[in-house]
Protein backbone atom coordinates (compact mmCIF):
# COMPACT_ATOMS: atom_id res chain seq x y z
CA MET A 1 0.00 0.00 0.00
CA LYS A 2 1.19 3.49 -0.84
CA ILE A 3 0.95 6.25 1.75
CA GLU A 4 0.55 8.87 -0.99
CA ASN A 5 -3.13 9.84 -1.41
CA SER A 6 -4.21 7.55 1.42
CA VAL A 7 -6.54 8.62 4.23
CA VAL A 8 -4.86 7.70 7.49
CA LEU A 9 -6.07 7.47 11.07
CA VAL A 10 -3.42 7.44 13.80
CA THR A 11 -4.53 6.72 17.35
CA GLY A 12 -2.61 8.23 20.25
CA SER A 13 -1.29 10.93 17.93
CA ASN A 14 -0.72 13.82 20.33
CA ARG A 15 2.88 12.92 21.24
CA GLY A 16 5.76 10.50 20.83
CA LEU A 17 5.54 7.94 18.05
CA GLY A 18 1.94 8.86 17.23
CA LEU A 19 2.87 12.46 16.52
CA ALA A 20 5.86 11.32 14.47
CA LEU A 21 3.62 8.96 12.46
CA VAL A 22 1.20 11.78 11.63
CA LYS A 23 4.04 13.98 10.41
CA ALA A 24 5.64 11.13 8.45
CA CYS A 25 2.33 10.35 6.72
CA LEU A 26 1.94 14.00 5.75
CA ALA A 27 5.50 14.07 4.39
CA ALA A 28 4.78 10.89 2.40
CA GLY A 29 1.81 12.53 0.69
CA ALA A 30 -1.23 11.30 2.60
CA ARG A 31 -4.32 13.12 1.42
CA ARG A 32 -5.75 13.40 4.93
CA VAL A 33 -4.66 12.30 8.39
CA TYR A 34 -7.16 11.88 11.18
CA ALA A 35 -5.26 12.48 14.43
CA GLY A 36 -6.92 10.64 17.29
CA ALA A 37 -6.42 11.61 20.94
CA ARG A 38 -8.45 11.55 24.12
CA ASP A 39 -7.98 15.32 24.43
CA PRO A 40 -8.33 17.06 21.03
CA GLN A 41 -6.95 20.29 22.53
CA SER A 42 -3.56 18.58 22.60
CA LEU A 43 -3.68 18.51 18.77
CA VAL A 44 -4.22 22.23 18.17
CA GLY A 45 -0.59 22.96 17.26
CA LEU A 46 -0.38 19.97 14.94
CA VAL A 47 -3.57 20.92 13.12
CA ARG A 48 -2.40 24.52 12.73
CA GLN A 49 0.81 23.40 11.03
CA ALA A 50 -0.81 20.94 8.61
CA ASP A 51 -2.53 23.26 6.10
CA GLY A 52 -5.90 21.58 6.46
CA ARG A 53 -4.67 18.02 5.98
CA VAL A 54 -4.99 16.97 9.64
CA THR A 55 -8.42 16.46 11.19
CA PRO A 56 -8.47 16.09 14.98
CA LEU A 57 -10.61 13.31 16.44
CA THR A 58 -11.67 12.77 20.03
CA LEU A 59 -10.86 9.09 20.41
CA ASP A 60 -10.40 6.85 23.44
CA VAL A 61 -9.67 3.26 22.39
CA ASP A 62 -10.97 2.04 25.76
CA ASP A 63 -14.39 3.67 25.34
CA SER A 64 -16.96 2.20 22.94
CA PRO A 65 -19.09 5.36 22.49
CA SER A 66 -15.94 7.37 21.73
CA LEU A 67 -14.91 4.85 19.08
CA ALA A 68 -18.37 4.87 17.50
CA ARG A 69 -18.41 8.66 17.24
CA ALA A 70 -14.90 8.71 15.77
CA ALA A 71 -15.81 6.07 13.17
CA ASP A 72 -18.84 8.14 12.12
CA ALA A 73 -16.62 11.22 11.80
CA ALA A 74 -13.98 9.42 9.71
CA PRO A 75 -15.86 7.25 7.17
CA ASP A 76 -13.16 7.44 4.49
CA VAL A 77 -10.19 5.87 6.33
CA THR A 78 -8.02 3.63 4.14
CA LEU A 79 -5.11 3.10 6.55
CA LEU A 80 -5.63 2.57 10.28
CA ILE A 81 -2.56 2.83 12.51
CA ASN A 82 -3.31 1.44 15.96
CA ASN A 83 -0.63 3.30 17.87
CA ALA A 84 -2.30 4.20 21.19
CA GLY A 85 -0.67 2.41 24.08
CA VAL A 86 0.12 2.62 27.78
CA LEU A 87 2.77 1.32 30.16
CA ALA A 88 0.97 0.83 33.46
CA SER A 89 2.58 -2.37 34.75
CA TYR A 90 6.16 -3.49 35.22
CA GLY A 91 7.24 -6.74 36.89
CA VAL A 92 4.31 -9.15 37.14
CA LEU A 93 4.83 -9.80 40.87
CA ASP A 94 5.13 -6.13 41.78
CA SER A 95 2.30 -4.84 39.58
CA THR A 96 -1.31 -4.88 40.73
CA ALA A 97 -4.01 -6.71 38.83
CA GLN A 98 -5.50 -3.34 37.96
CA GLN A 99 -2.22 -2.10 36.44
CA ILE A 100 -1.85 -5.22 34.30
CA ALA A 101 -5.52 -4.99 33.31
CA GLN A 102 -4.98 -1.40 32.18
CA ASP A 103 -2.18 -2.49 29.85
CA PHE A 104 -4.40 -5.18 28.36
CA ALA A 105 -7.38 -2.83 28.11
CA VAL A 106 -5.50 -0.35 25.91
CA ASN A 107 -2.70 -2.31 24.26
CA CYS A 108 -4.74 -5.40 23.40
CA PHE A 109 -8.50 -4.98 23.69
CA GLY A 110 -8.41 -1.31 22.61
CA LEU A 111 -6.50 -2.27 19.48
CA LEU A 112 -9.14 -4.86 18.61
CA ALA A 113 -12.05 -2.56 19.42
CA THR A 114 -10.62 0.19 17.22
CA SER A 115 -10.11 -2.21 14.32
CA LYS A 116 -13.73 -3.34 14.63
CA ALA A 117 -15.05 0.22 14.84
CA PHE A 118 -13.33 1.27 11.61
CA LEU A 119 -13.96 -1.98 9.76
CA PRO A 120 -16.83 -0.60 7.63
CA ALA A 121 -14.60 2.18 6.27
CA LEU A 122 -11.73 -0.23 5.69
CA GLU A 123 -14.01 -2.70 3.92
CA ARG A 124 -15.18 0.02 1.55
CA ALA A 125 -11.59 0.96 0.80
CA GLY A 126 -10.54 -2.67 0.49
CA ALA A 127 -13.19 -3.27 -2.13
CA SER A 128 -11.91 -0.38 -4.27
CA THR A 129 -8.43 1.05 -3.81
CA GLY A 130 -7.15 -1.17 -1.00
CA ALA A 131 -6.84 -0.78 2.77
CA ALA A 132 -4.51 -1.67 5.60
CA VAL A 133 -4.27 -1.90 9.38
CA VAL A 134 -0.99 -1.38 11.22
CA ASN A 135 -0.75 -2.50 14.83
CA VAL A 136 2.11 -0.88 16.70
CA LEU A 137 3.36 -3.60 19.04
CA SER A 138 6.87 -4.13 20.44
CA VAL A 139 9.77 -6.47 19.93
CA ALA A 140 8.82 -7.57 23.47
CA SER A 141 5.83 -9.25 21.80
CA LEU A 142 8.25 -12.03 20.81
CA ALA A 143 9.66 -12.73 24.29
CA ASN A 144 8.85 -11.30 27.68
CA LEU A 145 11.02 -8.53 29.11
CA PRO A 146 10.57 -9.33 32.84
CA SER A 147 11.15 -5.76 34.04
CA LEU A 148 8.10 -4.87 31.92
CA GLY A 149 6.41 -8.22 32.36
CA GLY A 150 2.77 -7.13 32.37
CA TYR A 151 3.29 -4.72 29.49
CA SER A 152 5.14 -7.40 27.48
CA ALA A 153 2.31 -9.85 28.04
CA SER A 154 -0.24 -7.34 26.73
CA LYS A 155 1.86 -6.76 23.62
CA ALA A 156 2.27 -10.52 23.09
CA ALA A 157 -1.51 -10.91 23.26
CA ALA A 158 -1.89 -8.04 20.78
CA HIS A 159 0.59 -9.79 18.47
CA SER A 160 -1.55 -12.92 18.54
CA LEU A 161 -4.67 -10.87 17.80
CA THR A 162 -2.83 -9.25 14.91
CA GLN A 163 -2.17 -12.66 13.39
CA ALA A 164 -5.85 -13.54 13.75
CA LEU A 165 -6.89 -10.25 12.15
CA ARG A 166 -4.46 -10.80 9.29
CA TRP A 167 -6.28 -13.97 8.26
CA GLU A 168 -9.77 -12.58 8.91
CA LEU A 169 -9.21 -9.31 7.04
CA SER A 170 -7.35 -10.83 4.09
CA LYS A 171 -10.75 -12.07 2.93
CA LYS A 172 -11.86 -8.42 2.80
CA HIS A 173 -8.75 -7.22 0.89
CA ILE A 174 -7.38 -5.47 3.96
CA ALA A 175 -3.67 -5.95 4.69
CA VAL A 176 -2.60 -6.26 8.33
CA HIS A 177 0.90 -5.28 9.45
CA ALA A 178 2.57 -5.73 12.82
CA ALA A 179 5.15 -3.07 13.71
CA LEU A 180 7.53 -4.37 16.38
CA PRO A 181 9.95 -1.59 17.34
CA GLY A 182 12.61 -1.65 20.00
CA THR A 183 12.88 1.04 22.67
CA ILE A 184 11.75 4.44 21.38
CA ASP A 185 12.90 7.75 22.85
CA THR A 186 9.51 8.88 24.16
CA ASP A 187 8.08 10.02 27.48
CA MET A 188 6.91 6.48 28.21
CA VAL A 189 10.42 5.08 28.66
CA ARG A 190 12.58 8.19 28.95
CA SER A 191 13.82 7.18 32.41
CA MET A 192 15.14 3.81 31.20
CA ASP A 193 18.90 3.68 30.74
CA VAL A 194 18.92 1.75 27.45
CA PRO A 195 19.71 2.73 23.84
CA LYS A 196 16.69 4.34 22.18
CA THR A 197 15.69 5.20 18.62
CA SER A 198 14.03 8.51 17.78
CA PRO A 199 10.26 8.45 17.12
CA GLU A 200 10.88 10.00 13.71
CA ALA A 201 13.21 7.20 12.61
CA VAL A 202 10.79 4.54 13.83
CA ALA A 203 7.84 6.22 12.09
CA ASN A 204 9.73 6.36 8.81
CA GLY A 205 10.72 2.70 9.23
CA ILE A 206 7.09 1.71 9.78
CA LEU A 207 5.90 3.55 6.67
CA ALA A 208 8.68 1.99 4.61
CA GLY A 209 7.59 -1.44 5.82
CA ILE A 210 3.97 -0.74 4.88
CA GLU A 211 4.92 0.32 1.38
CA ALA A 212 7.18 -2.75 1.03
CA GLY A 213 4.26 -4.99 1.99
CA LEU A 214 5.99 -6.48 5.03
CA GLU A 215 3.65 -8.33 7.37
CA ASP A 216 6.06 -7.93 10.30
CA ILE A 217 7.96 -4.67 10.42
CA PHE A 218 11.08 -4.22 12.54
CA PRO A 219 11.60 -0.49 12.00
CA ASP A 220 14.86 0.23 13.85
CA PRO A 221 18.32 -1.31 14.29
CA ALA A 222 17.67 -2.67 17.79
CA SER A 223 14.47 -4.48 16.82
CA ASN A 224 16.17 -5.93 13.75
CA GLN A 225 19.02 -7.25 15.87
CA LEU A 226 16.69 -8.75 18.47
CA TYR A 227 14.50 -10.27 15.77
CA GLY A 228 17.58 -11.91 14.28
CA MET A 229 18.37 -13.37 17.70
CA TRP A 230 14.81 -14.68 18.03
CA ARG A 231 14.88 -16.24 14.57
CA SER A 232 18.11 -18.03 15.42
CA ASP A 233 16.91 -19.27 18.81
CA PRO A 234 13.79 -17.95 20.59
CA LYS A 235 15.23 -19.01 23.95
CA GLN A 236 18.26 -16.81 23.31
CA LEU A 237 16.03 -13.73 23.13
CA GLU A 238 14.23 -14.79 26.29
CA ARG A 239 17.56 -15.09 28.10
CA GLU A 240 18.76 -11.75 26.69
CA PHE A 241 15.66 -9.97 27.94
CA ALA A 242 16.10 -11.60 31.36
CA ARG A 243 19.68 -10.33 31.43
CA MET A 244 18.56 -6.83 30.46
CA SER A 245 16.04 -6.88 33.31
CA GLY A 246 18.82 -7.50 35.81
């Protein structure tokens, strides 16, 4: 799928990777970008800079009425980027059930609910010019990073859902991509003392993977390296993540 002339919706677009994805889509020639955020006031600056090509949407992936209103307001979406995510839980023994549930509510169930809400628009596009869904996951979907054990589990579940959606939506001519980045230099993980890739570089890597038709996109050097380790021996990646967790 080409980004040029597409109509894109990016969830969680007010900062970090979401903001970088909106800007990258504009630079790649998207006709319109719907920028989804729980607080549309956080998008005012972005909208002002976009010369009418960015439409703000009030969108909470964990709220069914919000999703329904957003889907009604954006009936022409051809590319859905499920980017919204949270990091509420860390080690599984130290995190509360509520913290782990919050990660699953947004990172897993919210992703699925958003895909369902925008399915009518994607089906229309799939029947004509083509459509795609991109689920922003994590390389920790492949093996658990114990220091972020609850979060990793939610991303692994989302990865499994992505595989299910890929088969289901292929029958409707909708491509499904999994983006599995490494650590990104955003507010979510700024305090972690690990190498990080800029949101802009990751966003560009994701768009390049979409245009190349890759089902699984590893958009930065760290994720590519860790994916290579996993392909060689999945247990090796598990042990590496355990080592990184101390």
